[in-house]
Amino acid sequence: MSCSFSSKEFIVNSPNVTYTEDQITANYHTSTPVVDIDNGSISLETQQFTFRTDRRVPKVGVMLVGWGGNNGSTLTAGILANKLDITWHTKEGPRSADYLGSLTQASTVPLGTSSTGAAVHIPFKKMLPMVEPNDLVLGGWDISSANLADAMKRSQVLDYDLQRQLQPHMTSLEPLPSIYYPDFIAANQEDRADNVLPGHDKLQHLETIRQNIRDFKQRTAVDKVIVLWTANTERFCSVEEGLNDSAEALMASIKNSAAEVSPSTIFAVASILENCSYINGSPQNTCVPGVIELAEQHKVFLAGDDFKSGQTKIKSVLVDYLVSAGIKPVSIVSYNHLGNNDGRNLSAPEQFRSKEISKSNVVDDMVESNRILYKDGEHPDHTIVIKYVPYVGDSKRAMDEYTSEIFMGGRNTIAMHNTCEDSLLATPLIIDLIVLCEVCERISVQRHSHSHLDTDEESASTEKFHSVLSLLSYLLKAPLVPDGTPVVNALGAQRQCIVNTFRACIGLPPIDYMHLEHKIPSMIKRGT
């Protein structure tokens, strides 16, 4: 047998790893090849780290902006269905609640090899102590006053029999009034906006959201709160000197109720000031430079932008495959239509432009990695089309055509059709973003530097990950990364980054897929 599976708890037996009741401490070293392009030489830079992970899983509250939307109501219903162990009837027969589509809940990772040479896989969530989705406490805001049962019915995502059983548990769940600035979302959303904060004073709106977070935390007795935007896509806001280019300028702009301060930016600032991680699940530029600087000052996590659930996820796999195989994509055309409220909002040009930008950038780093295929400045033609077709509802249709140049002037065309139930793909991503963000809040790193460029204080200090939590890139279309660091869009590399980082937290080396024990005769003989 080439693979085996274990769901047992495990500990790492190594002098580099220690366990206490509260903490895992792992000493870890890396060797990074540093390339001198001009001299054509490579040197190895060795770094030593101590990772400390708090094993105590807190009670976690999640506040969703857009709680009454398709994603928010589906997330609430899904967690309740799992928590209550509901079975419902479909035309294919009975169905039980699950977390399919979730990286943390439904995937496995290779841990090592058994004494027989078989690769041992474990559930992803067993790598480190992680919060269980069933234990999350949900709340949030929405511009629509519909309770969560009515919102679930309106979204038309889940089977009727499941909705019927969940309805009594969701009727009492009502969203808080949200921020509504009509200029930032499509005009066709006005008929839903019956649950909004009054007035135009943006500082007052900020203080109200902060108070909402404090009240929620106190009322539910959670240890921490994570805020996640799953509301309508906004248009891009202007980024200007003196407006939002610094934390100080942004706070002054909020005080002055500047027109270009968006609702999502106010939610982000409120979260930061309440020491709550903020995740942007839509494509707009919420995290302007002032938001990022404020997060850095308060040492709070930000992640974004835009859930990566269907068409873009496939694109990040396929383009990586083509370019890595020496095949040259020259034209990528992506068309999709959908009929849910997200599609309705995106039918407005400014909101579509936000989505177009987040979908278009996914191939950039893969193209730039291969200058054999592409000259400087050369890039595939890349077109994105989104249409609103009410009849199809949440069942989004995506059609892609990839045209590539191959050997000796040949052409290769791959055409793909993908029908994906939008909210049922996005909801597990929300769970993963929350679970992974929370565990990252419990990880600290101490770097033991051997570089003459570092001071003793720098090398001895204990740090958290950077406030821009790029570790979550796997789940996001247009990943935010710390200033001056590379954007990685290749899906396999993004996933492996998470896995190898968590392996470092338990003192295990990164997965390299060399599998020398299966390639060297003496090792193969020993393993049989």
Protein backbone atom coordinates (compact mmCIF):
# COMPACT_ATOMS: atom_id res chain seq x y z
CA MET A 1 0.00 0.00 0.00
CA SER A 2 1.51 3.35 -1.09
CA CYS A 3 -0.54 5.51 1.31
CA SER A 4 -2.09 5.11 4.72
CA PHE A 5 -4.37 7.38 6.75
CA SER A 6 -4.42 8.18 10.43
CA SER A 7 -6.72 10.49 12.39
CA LYS A 8 -4.93 9.91 15.68
CA GLU A 9 -3.32 12.69 17.65
CA PHE A 10 0.47 12.66 17.32
CA ILE A 11 3.55 14.18 18.90
CA VAL A 12 6.95 14.75 17.31
CA ASN A 13 9.74 12.88 19.08
CA SER A 14 12.71 15.18 18.57
CA PRO A 15 15.15 17.10 20.75
CA ASN A 16 14.13 20.17 18.75
CA VAL A 17 10.49 19.99 19.86
CA THR A 18 9.04 20.34 23.33
CA TYR A 19 5.42 20.12 24.46
CA THR A 20 3.84 21.65 27.52
CA GLU A 21 0.18 21.77 28.42
CA ASP A 22 -0.05 25.25 26.90
CA GLN A 23 2.56 25.41 24.17
CA ILE A 24 4.49 23.65 21.40
CA THR A 25 8.03 24.95 20.98
CA ALA A 26 10.00 23.93 17.89
CA ASN A 27 13.54 24.86 16.90
CA TYR A 28 13.81 25.05 13.14
CA HIS A 29 16.44 26.00 10.58
CA THR A 30 16.32 26.83 6.89
CA SER A 31 18.92 27.20 4.17
CA THR A 32 17.91 29.69 1.49
CA PRO A 33 19.85 29.83 -1.80
CA VAL A 34 20.85 33.46 -2.44
CA VAL A 35 21.69 34.09 -6.10
CA ASP A 36 24.19 36.71 -7.25
CA ILE A 37 22.96 37.17 -10.83
CA ASP A 38 25.87 39.40 -11.92
CA ASN A 39 28.56 36.97 -10.70
CA GLY A 40 26.63 33.81 -11.47
CA SER A 41 27.11 32.41 -7.97
CA ILE A 42 24.86 30.94 -5.29
CA SER A 43 25.41 30.99 -1.56
CA LEU A 44 23.35 29.42 1.21
CA GLU A 45 21.95 31.68 3.89
CA THR A 46 21.11 29.72 7.02
CA GLN A 47 18.49 30.96 9.44
CA GLN A 48 17.47 29.46 12.76
CA PHE A 49 14.02 30.03 14.26
CA THR A 50 12.06 29.09 17.32
CA PHE A 51 8.34 28.68 16.67
CA ARG A 52 5.97 28.80 19.63
CA THR A 53 2.33 27.79 19.20
CA ASP A 54 -0.22 28.27 21.94
CA ARG A 55 -2.13 24.96 22.21
CA ARG A 56 -5.11 26.52 23.98
CA VAL A 57 -7.90 26.94 21.44
CA PRO A 58 -10.03 29.96 22.38
CA LYS A 59 -13.75 30.54 21.99
CA VAL A 60 -13.94 32.43 18.71
CA GLY A 61 -16.57 34.91 17.56
CA VAL A 62 -17.00 35.75 13.89
CA MET A 63 -18.71 38.93 12.75
CA LEU A 64 -19.66 38.96 9.08
CA VAL A 65 -20.24 42.12 7.10
CA GLY A 66 -23.06 40.99 4.82
CA TRP A 67 -24.33 38.36 7.26
CA GLY A 68 -27.69 38.21 5.47
CA GLY A 69 -26.23 37.63 2.02
CA ASN A 70 -25.91 34.31 0.22
CA ASN A 71 -22.54 33.49 1.79
CA GLY A 72 -23.43 34.65 5.29
CA SER A 73 -26.74 32.80 5.45
CA THR A 74 -25.20 29.66 3.90
CA LEU A 75 -22.32 29.71 6.39
CA THR A 76 -24.74 30.06 9.30
CA ALA A 77 -26.98 27.30 7.98
CA GLY A 78 -24.05 25.00 7.25
CA ILE A 79 -22.53 25.32 10.71
CA LEU A 80 -25.90 24.79 12.37
CA ALA A 81 -26.62 21.74 10.18
CA ASN A 82 -23.29 20.21 11.20
CA LYS A 83 -23.71 21.16 14.84
CA LEU A 84 -27.23 19.71 14.98
CA ASP A 85 -26.22 16.67 12.89
CA ILE A 86 -29.11 17.24 10.50
CA THR A 87 -30.04 14.79 7.74
CA TRP A 88 -32.36 15.99 4.97
CA HIS A 89 -34.01 14.49 1.93
CA THR A 90 -33.10 15.33 -1.66
CA LYS A 91 -34.37 13.82 -4.89
CA GLU A 92 -31.26 11.60 -4.87
CA GLY A 93 -31.95 10.39 -1.32
CA PRO A 94 -30.92 11.37 2.23
CA ARG A 95 -27.96 13.67 2.77
CA SER A 96 -26.04 14.47 5.96
CA ALA A 97 -24.23 17.68 6.86
CA ASP A 98 -20.54 17.90 5.99
CA TYR A 99 -17.68 20.32 5.43
CA LEU A 100 -16.73 19.26 1.91
CA GLY A 101 -14.73 21.91 0.10
CA SER A 102 -12.88 23.01 3.23
CA LEU A 103 -9.09 22.78 3.20
CA THR A 104 -8.92 22.51 6.98
CA GLN A 105 -11.87 20.19 7.51
CA ALA A 106 -11.93 17.88 4.47
CA SER A 107 -8.36 17.58 3.17
CA THR A 108 -5.31 15.67 4.36
CA VAL A 109 -1.58 16.34 4.41
CA PRO A 110 1.37 13.94 4.27
CA LEU A 111 3.02 13.65 7.66
CA GLY A 112 5.84 11.22 6.91
CA THR A 113 6.38 7.58 6.01
CA SER A 114 5.53 4.46 7.96
CA SER A 115 7.95 1.62 8.76
CA THR A 116 6.75 -0.09 5.56
CA GLY A 117 7.53 2.96 3.42
CA ALA A 118 3.91 4.02 2.94
CA ALA A 119 3.14 7.74 3.01
CA VAL A 120 1.07 8.57 6.11
CA HIS A 121 -1.62 11.21 5.65
CA ILE A 122 -3.48 12.96 8.46
CA PRO A 123 -6.40 15.41 8.48
CA PHE A 124 -5.18 18.93 7.85
CA LYS A 125 -6.79 20.12 11.09
CA LYS A 126 -4.67 17.69 13.12
CA MET A 127 -1.42 19.50 12.28
CA LEU A 128 -1.92 22.12 14.99
CA PRO A 129 -4.68 22.79 17.54
CA MET A 130 -7.41 24.55 15.55
CA VAL A 131 -10.86 25.85 16.34
CA GLU A 132 -13.73 23.60 15.28
CA PRO A 133 -16.23 25.30 12.92
CA ASN A 134 -19.12 23.99 15.02
CA ASP A 135 -17.80 26.03 17.94
CA LEU A 136 -17.73 29.36 16.09
CA VAL A 137 -20.13 32.01 17.39
CA LEU A 138 -21.62 34.04 14.54
CA GLY A 139 -22.97 37.56 14.30
CA GLY A 140 -22.66 40.55 12.01
CA TRP A 141 -24.18 43.33 9.97
CA ASP A 142 -26.26 43.67 6.83
CA ILE A 143 -27.95 46.49 4.95
CA SER A 144 -31.02 44.21 4.71
CA SER A 145 -33.08 43.66 7.86
CA ALA A 146 -34.14 40.11 6.90
CA ASN A 147 -33.51 37.58 9.65
CA LEU A 148 -31.18 34.71 8.77
CA ALA A 149 -34.02 32.25 8.09
CA ASP A 150 -35.58 34.63 5.57
CA ALA A 151 -32.14 35.42 4.14
CA MET A 152 -31.49 31.69 3.66
CA LYS A 153 -34.84 31.33 1.87
CA ARG A 154 -34.15 34.38 -0.30
CA SER A 155 -30.72 33.09 -1.36
CA GLN A 156 -32.17 29.83 -2.78
CA VAL A 157 -28.90 27.97 -2.17
CA LEU A 158 -29.87 25.03 0.07
CA ASP A 159 -32.36 22.19 -0.41
CA TYR A 160 -35.89 22.91 0.81
CA ASP A 161 -35.99 20.11 3.39
CA LEU A 162 -32.76 21.37 4.95
CA GLN A 163 -34.11 24.93 5.04
CA ARG A 164 -37.32 23.67 6.66
CA GLN A 165 -35.39 22.02 9.51
CA LEU A 166 -33.06 24.98 10.01
CA GLN A 167 -35.71 27.69 9.91
CA PRO A 168 -36.66 27.55 13.64
CA HIS A 169 -32.98 27.89 14.60
CA MET A 170 -32.34 30.91 12.36
CA THR A 171 -35.45 33.09 12.72
CA SER A 172 -34.11 34.79 15.85
CA LEU A 173 -30.79 35.65 14.21
CA GLU A 174 -30.95 39.24 13.00
CA PRO A 175 -28.14 41.35 11.52
CA LEU A 176 -27.09 44.66 13.00
CA PRO A 177 -27.58 47.80 10.89
CA SER A 178 -24.71 48.25 8.47
CA ILE A 179 -23.02 51.14 6.70
CA TYR A 180 -24.58 52.11 3.38
CA TYR A 181 -22.95 54.66 1.09
CA PRO A 182 -24.88 54.30 -2.20
CA ASP A 183 -21.97 55.57 -4.28
CA PHE A 184 -19.88 52.48 -3.52
CA ILE A 185 -22.24 49.70 -4.62
CA ALA A 186 -24.64 49.28 -7.52
CA ALA A 187 -27.80 51.38 -7.55
CA ASN A 188 -29.83 48.19 -7.87
CA GLN A 189 -29.03 47.37 -4.23
CA GLU A 190 -31.05 50.29 -2.89
CA ASP A 191 -34.23 48.23 -2.51
CA ARG A 192 -32.45 45.93 -0.02
CA ALA A 193 -31.06 48.77 2.10
CA ASP A 194 -33.62 48.97 4.92
CA ASN A 195 -31.21 48.32 7.82
CA VAL A 196 -28.58 51.03 7.70
CA LEU A 197 -26.83 53.31 10.13
CA PRO A 198 -28.36 56.79 10.01
CA GLY A 199 -26.60 59.95 8.94
CA HIS A 200 -23.41 60.70 7.03
CA ASP A 201 -20.94 61.10 9.90
CA LYS A 202 -18.27 58.50 9.13
CA LEU A 203 -16.52 58.92 12.47
CA GLN A 204 -19.81 58.18 14.21
CA HIS A 205 -20.27 55.13 12.00
CA LEU A 206 -16.77 53.95 12.94
CA GLU A 207 -17.53 54.33 16.65
CA THR A 208 -20.83 52.49 16.26
CA ILE A 209 -19.14 49.51 14.57
CA ARG A 210 -16.49 49.45 17.30
CA GLN A 211 -19.20 49.42 19.95
CA ASN A 212 -21.01 46.63 18.09
CA ILE A 213 -17.85 44.52 18.25
CA ARG A 214 -17.38 45.18 21.96
CA ASP A 215 -21.03 44.40 22.70
CA PHE A 216 -20.91 41.16 20.69
CA LYS A 217 -17.77 40.03 22.47
CA GLN A 218 -19.24 40.74 25.88
CA ARG A 219 -22.68 39.24 25.13
CA THR A 220 -21.30 35.98 23.69
CA ALA A 221 -18.34 35.68 26.13
CA VAL A 222 -15.95 34.87 23.28
CA ASP A 223 -12.22 35.24 23.78
CA LYS A 224 -11.62 36.94 20.45
CA VAL A 225 -13.47 38.20 17.38
CA ILE A 226 -12.54 37.95 13.70
CA VAL A 227 -14.33 40.27 11.27
CA LEU A 228 -14.86 39.17 7.67
CA TRP A 229 -16.32 41.10 4.74
CA THR A 230 -18.66 38.98 2.59
CA ALA A 231 -20.90 41.83 1.51
CA ASN A 232 -21.34 43.41 -1.92
CA THR A 233 -18.34 44.25 -4.07
CA GLU A 234 -17.61 47.95 -3.85
CA ARG A 235 -16.09 50.13 -6.53
CA PHE A 236 -12.43 50.96 -6.06
CA CYS A 237 -11.84 54.03 -3.93
CA SER A 238 -9.24 56.64 -4.83
CA VAL A 239 -5.86 56.37 -3.14
CA GLU A 240 -4.52 59.88 -2.68
CA GLU A 241 -1.85 61.67 -0.70
CA GLY A 242 -3.40 63.15 2.41
CA LEU A 243 -6.56 61.07 2.02
CA ASN A 244 -5.69 57.46 2.87
CA ASP A 245 -1.98 57.06 2.14
CA SER A 246 -1.12 56.89 5.85
CA ALA A 247 -2.85 55.90 9.06
CA GLU A 248 -2.88 59.51 10.26
CA ALA A 249 -4.37 60.79 6.97
CA LEU A 250 -6.99 58.05 6.92
CA MET A 251 -8.16 58.75 10.47
CA ALA A 252 -8.42 62.45 9.62
CA SER A 253 -10.41 61.61 6.47
CA ILE A 254 -12.83 59.51 8.51
CA LYS A 255 -13.21 62.37 10.98
CA ASN A 256 -13.98 64.71 8.07
CA SER A 257 -16.35 62.17 6.43
CA ALA A 258 -14.33 62.28 3.21
CA ALA A 259 -16.33 60.97 0.26
CA GLU A 260 -13.69 58.43 -0.81
CA VAL A 261 -13.66 56.56 2.50
CA SER A 262 -15.57 53.35 1.76
CA PRO A 263 -17.76 51.30 4.10
CA SER A 264 -15.34 48.38 3.93
CA THR A 265 -12.45 50.62 4.95
CA ILE A 266 -14.41 51.83 7.99
CA PHE A 267 -15.12 48.22 8.99
CA ALA A 268 -11.41 47.41 8.59
CA VAL A 269 -10.36 50.37 10.73
CA ALA A 270 -12.93 49.50 13.41
CA SER A 271 -11.66 45.93 13.51
CA ILE A 272 -8.05 47.02 13.83
CA LEU A 273 -8.83 49.47 16.62
CA GLU A 274 -10.68 46.68 18.46
CA ASN A 275 -7.69 44.33 17.97
CA CYS A 276 -9.67 42.02 15.66
CA SER A 277 -8.22 40.44 12.54
CA TYR A 278 -9.97 41.62 9.37
CA ILE A 279 -10.45 39.54 6.21
CA ASN A 280 -11.63 41.12 2.95
CA GLY A 281 -13.58 38.56 0.92
CA SER A 282 -14.44 40.94 -1.94
CA PRO A 283 -12.19 42.46 -4.63
CA GLN A 284 -12.34 46.17 -3.77
CA ASN A 285 -9.24 47.97 -2.45
CA THR A 286 -10.36 48.08 1.18
CA CYS A 287 -6.81 47.80 2.48
CA VAL A 288 -5.50 51.16 1.31
CA PRO A 289 -2.01 52.13 2.57
CA GLY A 290 -3.48 53.86 5.62
CA VAL A 291 -5.32 50.70 6.67
CA ILE A 292 -2.17 48.60 6.32
CA GLU A 293 -0.10 51.10 8.31
CA LEU A 294 -2.74 51.17 11.05
CA ALA A 295 -2.74 47.37 11.21
CA GLU A 296 1.04 47.33 11.48
CA GLN A 297 0.92 49.89 14.30
CA HIS A 298 -1.60 47.78 16.23
CA LYS A 299 -0.07 44.41 15.22
CA VAL A 300 -3.40 43.17 13.89
CA PHE A 301 -3.81 40.81 10.93
CA LEU A 302 -5.29 41.80 7.58
CA ALA A 303 -6.00 39.36 4.75
CA GLY A 304 -7.48 39.78 1.28
CA ASP A 305 -8.63 40.20 -1.38
CA ASP A 306 -11.61 38.28 -2.82
CA PHE A 307 -12.53 34.63 -2.18
CA LYS A 308 -10.87 32.27 -4.68
CA SER A 309 -13.48 29.59 -5.19
CA GLY A 310 -13.99 28.40 -8.76
CA GLN A 311 -12.85 29.77 -12.10
CA THR A 312 -9.82 31.64 -10.76
CA LYS A 313 -8.68 28.68 -8.67
CA ILE A 314 -8.65 26.46 -11.77
CA LYS A 315 -6.82 29.18 -13.69
CA SER A 316 -4.07 29.37 -11.08
CA VAL A 317 -3.55 25.61 -11.48
CA LEU A 318 -3.77 25.43 -15.27
CA VAL A 319 -1.52 28.38 -16.09
CA ASP A 320 1.06 27.11 -13.60
CA TYR A 321 0.98 23.72 -15.35
CA LEU A 322 1.29 25.20 -18.85
CA VAL A 323 4.12 27.60 -18.06
CA SER A 324 5.98 24.99 -15.97
CA ALA A 325 5.70 22.55 -18.88
CA GLY A 326 7.28 25.05 -21.28
CA ILE A 327 3.98 25.68 -23.07
CA LYS A 328 3.23 29.35 -23.81
CA PRO A 329 -0.29 30.63 -23.06
CA VAL A 330 -0.94 33.56 -25.40
CA SER A 331 -4.68 34.08 -24.91
CA ILE A 332 -6.88 33.49 -21.88
CA VAL A 333 -10.58 34.34 -22.16
CA SER A 334 -12.81 33.82 -19.12
CA TYR A 335 -16.56 34.26 -19.31
CA ASN A 336 -19.08 33.62 -16.57
CA HIS A 337 -22.70 34.38 -15.79
CA LEU A 338 -24.62 34.09 -12.54
CA GLY A 339 -27.96 35.16 -11.16
CA ASN A 340 -27.49 35.75 -7.45
CA ASN A 341 -27.25 39.15 -5.79
CA ASP A 342 -23.48 39.18 -6.30
CA GLY A 343 -24.10 38.97 -10.05
CA ARG A 344 -26.74 41.68 -9.83
CA ASN A 345 -24.34 44.02 -8.05
CA LEU A 346 -21.52 43.20 -10.51
CA SER A 347 -23.74 44.18 -13.44
CA ALA A 348 -22.79 47.78 -12.61
CA PRO A 349 -19.58 48.82 -14.45
CA GLU A 350 -17.62 50.20 -11.47
CA GLN A 351 -18.26 47.14 -9.32
CA PHE A 352 -17.40 44.84 -12.25
CA ARG A 353 -14.10 46.67 -12.66
CA SER A 354 -13.11 45.72 -9.08
CA LYS A 355 -13.80 42.06 -9.86
CA GLU A 356 -12.02 42.25 -13.22
CA ILE A 357 -8.84 43.49 -11.57
CA SER A 358 -8.80 40.72 -8.95
CA LYS A 359 -9.41 38.02 -11.57
CA SER A 360 -6.85 39.36 -14.08
CA ASN A 361 -3.72 39.45 -11.91
CA VAL A 362 -3.73 35.74 -11.10
CA VAL A 363 -1.32 34.78 -13.91
CA ASP A 364 1.26 37.55 -13.47
CA ASP A 365 3.90 35.87 -11.32
CA MET A 366 3.80 32.64 -13.35
CA VAL A 367 4.39 34.57 -16.57
CA GLU A 368 7.22 36.59 -15.03
CA SER A 369 8.93 33.40 -13.83
CA ASN A 370 9.66 32.20 -17.39
CA ARG A 371 11.56 34.64 -19.59
CA ILE A 372 12.30 31.81 -22.01
CA LEU A 373 8.63 31.93 -23.01
CA TYR A 374 7.94 35.64 -22.50
CA LYS A 375 10.08 38.68 -23.29
CA ASP A 376 10.15 41.63 -20.91
CA GLY A 377 6.77 43.32 -21.03
CA GLU A 378 5.13 40.43 -22.89
CA HIS A 379 1.97 39.02 -21.41
CA PRO A 380 -0.91 36.80 -22.55
CA ASP A 381 -4.06 38.50 -23.79
CA HIS A 382 -6.40 38.10 -20.83
CA THR A 383 -10.09 39.01 -20.96
CA ILE A 384 -12.73 38.70 -18.22
CA VAL A 385 -16.48 38.84 -18.86
CA ILE A 386 -19.24 38.62 -16.20
CA LYS A 387 -22.95 38.74 -17.02
CA TYR A 388 -26.02 38.78 -14.79
CA VAL A 389 -28.60 36.13 -15.71
CA PRO A 390 -31.23 35.94 -12.94
CA TYR A 391 -32.62 32.53 -13.90
CA VAL A 392 -29.44 30.59 -13.01
CA GLY A 393 -29.39 31.95 -9.43
CA ASP A 394 -26.41 30.81 -7.37
CA SER A 395 -25.42 28.22 -9.98
CA LYS A 396 -22.66 30.13 -11.74
CA ARG A 397 -21.52 29.07 -15.22
CA ALA A 398 -17.90 29.64 -16.12
CA MET A 399 -16.38 29.07 -19.56
CA ASP A 400 -12.69 29.45 -20.29
CA GLU A 401 -10.53 29.18 -23.38
CA TYR A 402 -6.76 28.90 -23.11
CA THR A 403 -4.80 29.20 -26.36
CA SER A 404 -1.07 28.37 -26.22
CA GLU A 405 1.87 28.18 -28.56
CA ILE A 406 3.53 24.76 -28.70
CA PHE A 407 6.40 23.09 -30.57
CA MET A 408 7.38 24.36 -34.03
CA GLY A 409 4.59 26.88 -34.51
CA GLY A 410 1.77 24.66 -33.28
CA ARG A 411 -1.29 25.81 -31.37
CA ASN A 412 -3.04 24.16 -28.46
CA THR A 413 -6.50 25.22 -27.25
CA ILE A 414 -8.10 24.07 -24.01
CA ALA A 415 -11.79 24.89 -23.58
CA MET A 416 -13.46 24.34 -20.25
CA HIS A 417 -16.99 24.59 -18.87
CA ASN A 418 -17.51 24.78 -15.11
CA THR A 419 -20.86 24.89 -13.34
CA CYS A 420 -20.29 25.84 -9.73
CA GLU A 421 -22.75 26.65 -6.98
CA ASP A 422 -21.16 29.88 -5.95
CA SER A 423 -22.00 30.12 -2.25
CA LEU A 424 -21.43 26.41 -1.63
CA LEU A 425 -17.86 26.85 -2.89
CA ALA A 426 -17.25 30.15 -1.08
CA THR A 427 -18.62 29.15 2.33
CA PRO A 428 -15.93 26.52 3.10
CA LEU A 429 -13.31 29.14 2.17
CA ILE A 430 -14.76 31.46 4.80
CA ILE A 431 -14.40 28.68 7.37
CA ASP A 432 -10.79 28.09 6.33
CA LEU A 433 -9.90 31.77 6.42
CA ILE A 434 -11.27 32.06 9.95
CA VAL A 435 -9.67 28.83 11.23
CA LEU A 436 -6.26 29.57 9.69
CA CYS A 437 -6.26 33.22 10.69
CA GLU A 438 -7.08 32.29 14.27
CA VAL A 439 -4.32 29.71 14.60
CA CYS A 440 -1.84 32.20 13.15
CA GLU A 441 -2.76 34.55 16.00
CA ARG A 442 -1.39 31.91 18.38
CA ILE A 443 1.97 31.46 16.61
CA SER A 444 5.04 33.50 17.47
CA VAL A 445 8.52 33.29 15.95
CA GLN A 446 11.94 34.10 17.32
CA ARG A 447 14.68 34.47 14.76
CA HIS A 448 18.25 33.60 15.74
CA SER A 449 20.21 35.42 13.09
CA HIS A 450 23.82 34.87 12.11
CA SER A 451 23.84 37.89 9.83
CA HIS A 452 26.12 40.82 10.64
CA LEU A 453 23.33 43.08 9.37
CA ASP A 454 21.06 42.25 12.32
CA THR A 455 21.39 43.72 15.78
CA ASP A 456 21.30 41.47 18.84
CA GLU A 457 17.92 42.97 19.72
CA GLU A 458 16.48 42.17 16.26
CA SER A 459 17.66 38.58 16.29
CA ALA A 460 16.48 37.91 19.85
CA SER A 461 13.00 39.43 19.65
CA THR A 462 9.84 37.36 19.40
CA GLU A 463 7.49 38.35 16.58
CA LYS A 464 4.14 37.46 15.11
CA PHE A 465 3.66 37.06 11.37
CA HIS A 466 3.48 40.32 9.45
CA SER A 467 0.15 42.13 9.76
CA VAL A 468 -0.53 41.45 6.08
CA LEU A 469 -1.17 37.73 6.47
CA SER A 470 -0.05 36.47 3.07
CA LEU A 471 -0.10 32.90 4.40
CA LEU A 472 -3.81 32.89 3.45
CA SER A 473 -3.10 33.53 -0.26
CA TYR A 474 -4.34 30.06 -1.23
CA LEU A 475 -7.89 31.15 -0.45
CA LEU A 476 -7.85 34.57 -2.14
CA LYS A 477 -7.88 35.74 -5.77
CA ALA A 478 -5.70 38.82 -5.40
CA PRO A 479 -3.49 38.09 -2.37
CA LEU A 480 -2.33 40.97 -0.22
CA VAL A 481 1.35 40.68 0.63
CA PRO A 482 3.68 42.82 2.74
CA ASP A 483 5.19 45.72 0.83
CA GLY A 484 8.28 44.66 -1.10
CA THR A 485 7.54 40.93 -1.00
CA PRO A 486 6.54 38.79 -4.01
CA VAL A 487 2.99 37.79 -4.85
CA VAL A 488 2.61 34.05 -5.42
CA ASN A 489 -0.50 32.93 -7.33
CA ALA A 490 0.35 29.31 -8.21
CA LEU A 491 -2.16 27.27 -6.21
CA GLY A 492 0.13 24.35 -5.36
CA ALA A 493 2.83 26.67 -4.02
CA GLN A 494 0.27 28.59 -1.96
CA ARG A 495 -1.05 25.43 -0.31
CA GLN A 496 2.42 24.07 0.31
CA CYS A 497 3.38 27.34 2.00
CA ILE A 498 0.66 26.80 4.61
CA VAL A 499 1.52 23.13 5.10
CA ASN A 500 5.27 23.70 5.41
CA THR A 501 4.82 26.65 7.78
CA PHE A 502 2.68 24.51 10.07
CA ARG A 503 5.21 21.68 9.79
CA ALA A 504 7.87 24.12 10.98
CA CYS A 505 5.71 24.84 14.01
CA ILE A 506 6.06 21.18 15.04
CA GLY A 507 9.72 20.86 14.05
CA LEU A 508 9.22 18.87 10.84
CA PRO A 509 11.15 19.64 7.63
CA PRO A 510 9.28 20.94 4.58
CA ILE A 511 7.79 18.40 2.19
CA ASP A 512 10.18 18.13 -0.76
CA TYR A 513 8.72 15.18 -2.69
CA MET A 514 12.19 13.75 -3.33
CA HIS A 515 11.21 10.43 -1.70
CA LEU A 516 14.76 9.12 -1.82
CA GLU A 517 13.64 6.13 0.23
CA HIS A 518 11.73 5.00 -2.88
CA LYS A 519 14.55 5.67 -5.35
CA ILE A 520 17.82 4.43 -3.83
CA PRO A 521 18.11 0.61 -4.02
CA SER A 522 19.56 0.12 -0.55
CA MET A 523 16.79 2.19 1.03
CA ILE A 524 14.05 0.43 -0.92
CA LYS A 525 15.42 -2.94 0.21
CA ARG A 526 15.53 -1.81 3.83
CA GLY A 527 11.91 -0.61 3.71
CA THR A 528 10.43 -3.84 2.36
